N, C-alpha and C. Protein backbone atom coordinates (compact mmCIF):
# COMPACT_ATOMS: atom_id res chain seq x y z
N MET A 1 5.80 -22.70 -9.02
CA MET A 1 5.94 -22.59 -7.60
C MET A 1 4.63 -22.02 -7.03
N ALA A 2 4.16 -22.60 -5.94
CA ALA A 2 2.93 -22.16 -5.30
C ALA A 2 3.11 -20.77 -4.70
N LEU A 3 2.04 -20.03 -4.72
CA LEU A 3 2.06 -18.68 -4.16
C LEU A 3 1.93 -18.76 -2.64
N PRO A 4 2.94 -18.30 -1.89
CA PRO A 4 2.84 -18.33 -0.43
C PRO A 4 1.62 -17.52 0.04
N ARG A 5 1.03 -17.94 1.12
CA ARG A 5 -0.17 -17.29 1.63
C ARG A 5 0.04 -15.80 1.88
N SER A 6 1.19 -15.44 2.46
CA SER A 6 1.44 -14.03 2.75
C SER A 6 1.51 -13.20 1.46
N VAL A 7 2.07 -13.77 0.41
CA VAL A 7 2.15 -13.07 -0.88
C VAL A 7 0.76 -12.99 -1.51
N LYS A 8 -0.03 -14.04 -1.35
CA LYS A 8 -1.40 -14.04 -1.86
C LYS A 8 -2.21 -12.93 -1.20
N PHE A 9 -2.10 -12.81 0.14
CA PHE A 9 -2.81 -11.74 0.85
C PHE A 9 -2.34 -10.36 0.39
N LEU A 10 -1.04 -10.21 0.18
CA LEU A 10 -0.50 -8.94 -0.30
C LEU A 10 -1.08 -8.61 -1.68
N ALA A 11 -1.11 -9.59 -2.57
CA ALA A 11 -1.63 -9.37 -3.92
C ALA A 11 -3.11 -8.98 -3.88
N VAL A 12 -3.88 -9.67 -3.07
CA VAL A 12 -5.31 -9.34 -2.95
C VAL A 12 -5.48 -7.95 -2.35
N GLY A 13 -4.70 -7.64 -1.33
CA GLY A 13 -4.77 -6.32 -0.72
C GLY A 13 -4.43 -5.21 -1.70
N PHE A 14 -3.40 -5.43 -2.50
CA PHE A 14 -3.03 -4.45 -3.53
C PHE A 14 -4.14 -4.31 -4.56
N ALA A 15 -4.74 -5.41 -4.99
CA ALA A 15 -5.80 -5.36 -6.00
C ALA A 15 -6.99 -4.56 -5.49
N VAL A 16 -7.38 -4.81 -4.24
CA VAL A 16 -8.52 -4.09 -3.66
C VAL A 16 -8.18 -2.61 -3.47
N SER A 17 -7.05 -2.34 -2.84
CA SER A 17 -6.65 -0.97 -2.58
C SER A 17 -6.44 -0.19 -3.88
N GLY A 18 -5.81 -0.82 -4.85
CA GLY A 18 -5.59 -0.16 -6.14
C GLY A 18 -6.89 0.20 -6.83
N THR A 19 -7.86 -0.69 -6.73
CA THR A 19 -9.17 -0.42 -7.32
C THR A 19 -9.84 0.77 -6.64
N VAL A 20 -9.74 0.83 -5.31
CA VAL A 20 -10.32 1.97 -4.58
C VAL A 20 -9.59 3.26 -4.96
N HIS A 21 -8.27 3.19 -5.11
CA HIS A 21 -7.52 4.38 -5.54
C HIS A 21 -8.07 4.93 -6.85
N LEU A 22 -8.41 4.05 -7.78
CA LEU A 22 -8.88 4.49 -9.09
C LEU A 22 -10.35 4.89 -9.07
N ALA A 23 -11.17 4.17 -8.31
CA ALA A 23 -12.61 4.43 -8.31
C ALA A 23 -12.99 5.61 -7.41
N LYS A 24 -12.28 5.79 -6.30
CA LYS A 24 -12.60 6.84 -5.33
C LYS A 24 -11.32 7.49 -4.81
N PRO A 25 -10.60 8.18 -5.68
CA PRO A 25 -9.32 8.76 -5.25
C PRO A 25 -9.46 9.76 -4.11
N GLU A 26 -10.63 10.36 -3.96
CA GLU A 26 -10.83 11.34 -2.90
C GLU A 26 -10.67 10.74 -1.50
N VAL A 27 -10.83 9.43 -1.38
CA VAL A 27 -10.65 8.75 -0.09
C VAL A 27 -9.22 8.95 0.42
N TYR A 28 -8.26 9.02 -0.50
CA TYR A 28 -6.85 9.08 -0.13
C TYR A 28 -6.30 10.51 -0.04
N LEU A 29 -7.07 11.50 -0.45
CA LEU A 29 -6.57 12.88 -0.42
C LEU A 29 -6.11 13.32 0.98
N PRO A 30 -6.84 12.98 2.06
CA PRO A 30 -6.38 13.42 3.38
C PRO A 30 -5.05 12.80 3.82
N LEU A 31 -4.63 11.72 3.19
CA LEU A 31 -3.37 11.08 3.56
C LEU A 31 -2.16 11.73 2.90
N MET A 32 -2.39 12.56 1.91
CA MET A 32 -1.29 13.10 1.12
C MET A 32 -0.52 14.18 1.88
N PRO A 33 0.78 13.95 2.07
CA PRO A 33 1.61 15.01 2.68
C PRO A 33 1.64 16.24 1.78
N SER A 34 1.73 17.41 2.36
CA SER A 34 1.68 18.65 1.59
C SER A 34 2.84 18.77 0.59
N TRP A 35 3.97 18.12 0.89
CA TRP A 35 5.13 18.25 0.01
C TRP A 35 5.01 17.39 -1.25
N VAL A 36 4.00 16.53 -1.33
CA VAL A 36 3.80 15.71 -2.53
C VAL A 36 3.00 16.53 -3.53
N PRO A 37 3.54 16.71 -4.75
CA PRO A 37 2.80 17.49 -5.75
C PRO A 37 1.70 16.65 -6.41
N ALA A 38 0.78 17.31 -7.05
CA ALA A 38 -0.26 16.67 -7.88
C ALA A 38 -0.92 15.50 -7.17
N HIS A 39 -1.57 15.80 -6.05
CA HIS A 39 -2.13 14.76 -5.20
C HIS A 39 -3.00 13.74 -5.95
N ARG A 40 -3.96 14.21 -6.70
CA ARG A 40 -4.87 13.29 -7.40
C ARG A 40 -4.11 12.38 -8.36
N GLU A 41 -3.19 12.95 -9.11
CA GLU A 41 -2.42 12.18 -10.08
C GLU A 41 -1.55 11.13 -9.38
N VAL A 42 -0.97 11.49 -8.26
CA VAL A 42 -0.15 10.54 -7.50
C VAL A 42 -1.02 9.42 -6.95
N ILE A 43 -2.21 9.74 -6.49
CA ILE A 43 -3.13 8.73 -5.99
C ILE A 43 -3.51 7.76 -7.11
N LEU A 44 -3.85 8.30 -8.26
CA LEU A 44 -4.21 7.44 -9.40
C LEU A 44 -3.02 6.57 -9.83
N ALA A 45 -1.85 7.17 -9.88
CA ALA A 45 -0.66 6.41 -10.27
C ALA A 45 -0.35 5.30 -9.26
N SER A 46 -0.53 5.60 -7.98
CA SER A 46 -0.27 4.55 -6.99
C SER A 46 -1.31 3.44 -7.09
N GLY A 47 -2.53 3.77 -7.47
CA GLY A 47 -3.54 2.74 -7.70
C GLY A 47 -3.15 1.82 -8.85
N VAL A 48 -2.68 2.42 -9.94
CA VAL A 48 -2.21 1.62 -11.08
C VAL A 48 -1.02 0.76 -10.65
N ALA A 49 -0.11 1.34 -9.87
CA ALA A 49 1.06 0.59 -9.40
C ALA A 49 0.64 -0.58 -8.51
N GLU A 50 -0.34 -0.36 -7.64
CA GLU A 50 -0.80 -1.45 -6.76
C GLU A 50 -1.42 -2.58 -7.58
N ILE A 51 -2.22 -2.24 -8.57
CA ILE A 51 -2.83 -3.27 -9.41
C ILE A 51 -1.76 -4.00 -10.22
N ALA A 52 -0.77 -3.27 -10.72
CA ALA A 52 0.32 -3.91 -11.46
C ALA A 52 1.12 -4.84 -10.55
N CYS A 53 1.39 -4.41 -9.32
CA CYS A 53 2.10 -5.27 -8.37
C CYS A 53 1.27 -6.51 -8.05
N ALA A 54 -0.03 -6.34 -7.85
CA ALA A 54 -0.90 -7.48 -7.56
C ALA A 54 -0.84 -8.49 -8.69
N ALA A 55 -0.95 -8.02 -9.91
CA ALA A 55 -0.91 -8.92 -11.06
C ALA A 55 0.47 -9.57 -11.17
N GLY A 56 1.51 -8.79 -10.99
CA GLY A 56 2.86 -9.34 -11.07
C GLY A 56 3.16 -10.38 -10.00
N LEU A 57 2.63 -10.17 -8.81
CA LEU A 57 2.84 -11.14 -7.73
C LEU A 57 2.14 -12.47 -8.02
N ALA A 58 1.06 -12.41 -8.77
CA ALA A 58 0.28 -13.61 -9.06
C ALA A 58 0.91 -14.50 -10.13
N VAL A 59 1.83 -13.95 -10.91
CA VAL A 59 2.43 -14.69 -12.02
C VAL A 59 3.86 -15.09 -11.66
N PRO A 60 4.16 -16.39 -11.69
CA PRO A 60 5.50 -16.84 -11.26
C PRO A 60 6.65 -16.16 -11.99
N THR A 61 6.51 -15.90 -13.28
CA THR A 61 7.63 -15.34 -14.04
C THR A 61 7.88 -13.86 -13.72
N THR A 62 6.91 -13.19 -13.15
CA THR A 62 7.08 -11.77 -12.82
C THR A 62 7.11 -11.52 -11.31
N ARG A 63 6.98 -12.58 -10.54
CA ARG A 63 6.84 -12.43 -9.08
C ARG A 63 8.03 -11.75 -8.44
N ARG A 64 9.23 -12.09 -8.85
CA ARG A 64 10.42 -11.47 -8.21
C ARG A 64 10.46 -9.97 -8.46
N ALA A 65 10.28 -9.57 -9.70
CA ALA A 65 10.29 -8.13 -10.03
C ALA A 65 9.13 -7.42 -9.33
N ALA A 66 7.97 -8.05 -9.30
CA ALA A 66 6.81 -7.45 -8.64
C ALA A 66 7.04 -7.38 -7.13
N GLY A 67 7.78 -8.32 -6.58
CA GLY A 67 8.10 -8.28 -5.16
C GLY A 67 8.94 -7.05 -4.84
N TRP A 68 9.97 -6.81 -5.64
CA TRP A 68 10.81 -5.62 -5.41
C TRP A 68 10.01 -4.34 -5.63
N ALA A 69 9.17 -4.33 -6.67
CA ALA A 69 8.32 -3.16 -6.92
C ALA A 69 7.37 -2.93 -5.74
N SER A 70 6.87 -4.01 -5.17
CA SER A 70 5.97 -3.91 -4.02
C SER A 70 6.67 -3.33 -2.80
N VAL A 71 7.91 -3.75 -2.57
CA VAL A 71 8.69 -3.19 -1.46
C VAL A 71 8.82 -1.67 -1.64
N LEU A 72 9.20 -1.25 -2.84
CA LEU A 72 9.36 0.18 -3.11
C LEU A 72 8.05 0.93 -2.96
N LEU A 73 6.96 0.34 -3.43
CA LEU A 73 5.65 0.98 -3.32
C LEU A 73 5.25 1.14 -1.85
N LEU A 74 5.43 0.09 -1.07
CA LEU A 74 5.06 0.16 0.35
C LEU A 74 5.89 1.21 1.09
N LEU A 75 7.17 1.29 0.77
CA LEU A 75 8.01 2.31 1.38
C LEU A 75 7.60 3.71 0.91
N GLY A 76 7.19 3.80 -0.34
CA GLY A 76 6.78 5.09 -0.91
C GLY A 76 5.51 5.65 -0.31
N VAL A 77 4.58 4.79 0.06
CA VAL A 77 3.31 5.27 0.62
C VAL A 77 3.37 5.42 2.14
N TYR A 78 4.44 4.98 2.75
CA TYR A 78 4.53 5.03 4.21
C TYR A 78 4.41 6.45 4.78
N PRO A 79 4.97 7.48 4.12
CA PRO A 79 4.77 8.84 4.66
C PRO A 79 3.30 9.22 4.78
N GLY A 80 2.46 8.74 3.86
CA GLY A 80 1.03 9.00 3.96
C GLY A 80 0.42 8.35 5.19
N ASN A 81 0.89 7.15 5.52
CA ASN A 81 0.40 6.47 6.72
C ASN A 81 0.84 7.21 7.99
N ILE A 82 2.06 7.72 7.97
CA ILE A 82 2.54 8.50 9.11
C ILE A 82 1.72 9.77 9.27
N LYS A 83 1.45 10.44 8.14
CA LYS A 83 0.64 11.66 8.19
C LYS A 83 -0.74 11.36 8.75
N MET A 84 -1.34 10.27 8.31
CA MET A 84 -2.66 9.92 8.81
C MET A 84 -2.63 9.70 10.32
N ALA A 85 -1.61 9.02 10.81
CA ALA A 85 -1.50 8.77 12.25
C ALA A 85 -1.33 10.08 13.01
N LEU A 86 -0.48 10.95 12.51
CA LEU A 86 -0.27 12.24 13.19
C LEU A 86 -1.54 13.09 13.14
N ASP A 87 -2.22 13.10 12.01
CA ASP A 87 -3.47 13.85 11.89
C ASP A 87 -4.54 13.32 12.84
N SER A 88 -4.53 12.03 13.08
CA SER A 88 -5.55 11.43 13.94
C SER A 88 -5.46 11.94 15.37
N THR A 89 -4.29 12.41 15.77
CA THR A 89 -4.14 12.91 17.14
C THR A 89 -4.91 14.21 17.35
N LYS A 90 -5.33 14.84 16.27
CA LYS A 90 -6.08 16.10 16.36
C LYS A 90 -7.59 15.88 16.40
N THR A 91 -8.02 14.62 16.40
CA THR A 91 -9.45 14.32 16.43
C THR A 91 -9.83 13.73 17.79
N ARG A 92 -11.11 13.64 17.99
CA ARG A 92 -11.62 13.03 19.22
C ARG A 92 -11.94 11.55 19.02
N SER A 93 -11.84 11.08 17.81
CA SER A 93 -12.21 9.70 17.48
C SER A 93 -11.13 8.72 17.92
N THR A 94 -11.41 8.00 18.98
CA THR A 94 -10.47 6.99 19.46
C THR A 94 -10.29 5.89 18.44
N GLY A 95 -11.37 5.52 17.77
CA GLY A 95 -11.30 4.47 16.75
C GLY A 95 -10.39 4.85 15.60
N PHE A 96 -10.53 6.10 15.13
CA PHE A 96 -9.68 6.58 14.03
C PHE A 96 -8.22 6.60 14.46
N LYS A 97 -7.97 7.04 15.69
CA LYS A 97 -6.61 7.04 16.21
C LYS A 97 -6.05 5.63 16.26
N ALA A 98 -6.84 4.70 16.76
CA ALA A 98 -6.38 3.32 16.88
C ALA A 98 -6.05 2.72 15.52
N VAL A 99 -6.94 2.92 14.55
CA VAL A 99 -6.71 2.38 13.21
C VAL A 99 -5.49 3.04 12.57
N SER A 100 -5.38 4.35 12.72
CA SER A 100 -4.28 5.09 12.10
C SER A 100 -2.92 4.63 12.63
N PHE A 101 -2.83 4.44 13.93
CA PHE A 101 -1.55 4.01 14.50
C PHE A 101 -1.32 2.51 14.29
N ALA A 102 -2.38 1.72 14.24
CA ALA A 102 -2.23 0.28 14.00
C ALA A 102 -1.70 0.00 12.60
N ARG A 103 -2.03 0.86 11.66
CA ARG A 103 -1.56 0.68 10.28
C ARG A 103 -0.04 0.73 10.16
N LEU A 104 0.59 1.52 11.02
CA LEU A 104 2.04 1.71 10.90
C LEU A 104 2.81 0.40 11.04
N PRO A 105 2.65 -0.35 12.13
CA PRO A 105 3.40 -1.61 12.23
C PRO A 105 2.87 -2.70 11.30
N LEU A 106 1.63 -2.57 10.83
CA LEU A 106 1.08 -3.58 9.92
C LEU A 106 1.74 -3.53 8.55
N GLN A 107 2.41 -2.43 8.25
CA GLN A 107 3.15 -2.36 6.99
C GLN A 107 4.33 -3.34 6.98
N LEU A 108 4.87 -3.63 8.16
CA LEU A 108 6.04 -4.51 8.22
C LEU A 108 5.77 -5.92 7.68
N PRO A 109 4.67 -6.60 8.05
CA PRO A 109 4.41 -7.90 7.45
C PRO A 109 4.17 -7.82 5.94
N MET A 110 3.62 -6.69 5.51
CA MET A 110 3.41 -6.53 4.07
C MET A 110 4.76 -6.41 3.35
N ILE A 111 5.66 -5.64 3.93
CA ILE A 111 7.00 -5.51 3.33
C ILE A 111 7.72 -6.86 3.38
N ARG A 112 7.55 -7.58 4.47
CA ARG A 112 8.16 -8.92 4.58
C ARG A 112 7.63 -9.86 3.49
N ALA A 113 6.32 -9.81 3.24
CA ALA A 113 5.73 -10.65 2.18
C ALA A 113 6.28 -10.26 0.82
N ALA A 114 6.42 -8.94 0.58
CA ALA A 114 6.97 -8.48 -0.69
C ALA A 114 8.41 -8.94 -0.86
N LEU A 115 9.18 -8.87 0.22
CA LEU A 115 10.57 -9.36 0.16
C LEU A 115 10.61 -10.86 -0.10
N ARG A 116 9.69 -11.59 0.49
CA ARG A 116 9.62 -13.03 0.26
C ARG A 116 9.40 -13.33 -1.23
N ALA A 117 8.50 -12.56 -1.83
CA ALA A 117 8.25 -12.74 -3.27
C ALA A 117 9.48 -12.35 -4.08
N ALA A 118 10.13 -11.25 -3.68
CA ALA A 118 11.30 -10.75 -4.42
C ALA A 118 12.47 -11.74 -4.37
N ARG A 119 12.58 -12.41 -3.27
CA ARG A 119 13.72 -13.33 -3.10
C ARG A 119 13.42 -14.72 -3.64
N GLY A 120 12.20 -14.92 -4.08
CA GLY A 120 11.84 -16.21 -4.69
C GLY A 120 11.49 -17.23 -3.72
């Protein structure tokens, strides 16, 4: 079965983001809510999870399981996106505020793509 475009974009996005998580975990430290323990380790683990989801989405036999894993991953990182948006209100950077708040609704098409993969 051909990989739908939305799933392909999700897989590429996960591959890129996961690589950044592993290569430069400090980029994600400001997004970590205080109640999450072991920030660096969680960032590295989420990078591995993103790369695993990307690979799983690319393979037809693992796409459904990777789709469900992707949904859970996207829901799991959402508190970090909320924190980033709330933190942005304390800065003077209009651009940072715009990007931070724009990320919130952009998660929905990503979750939709993951559900599409999960449902086959």
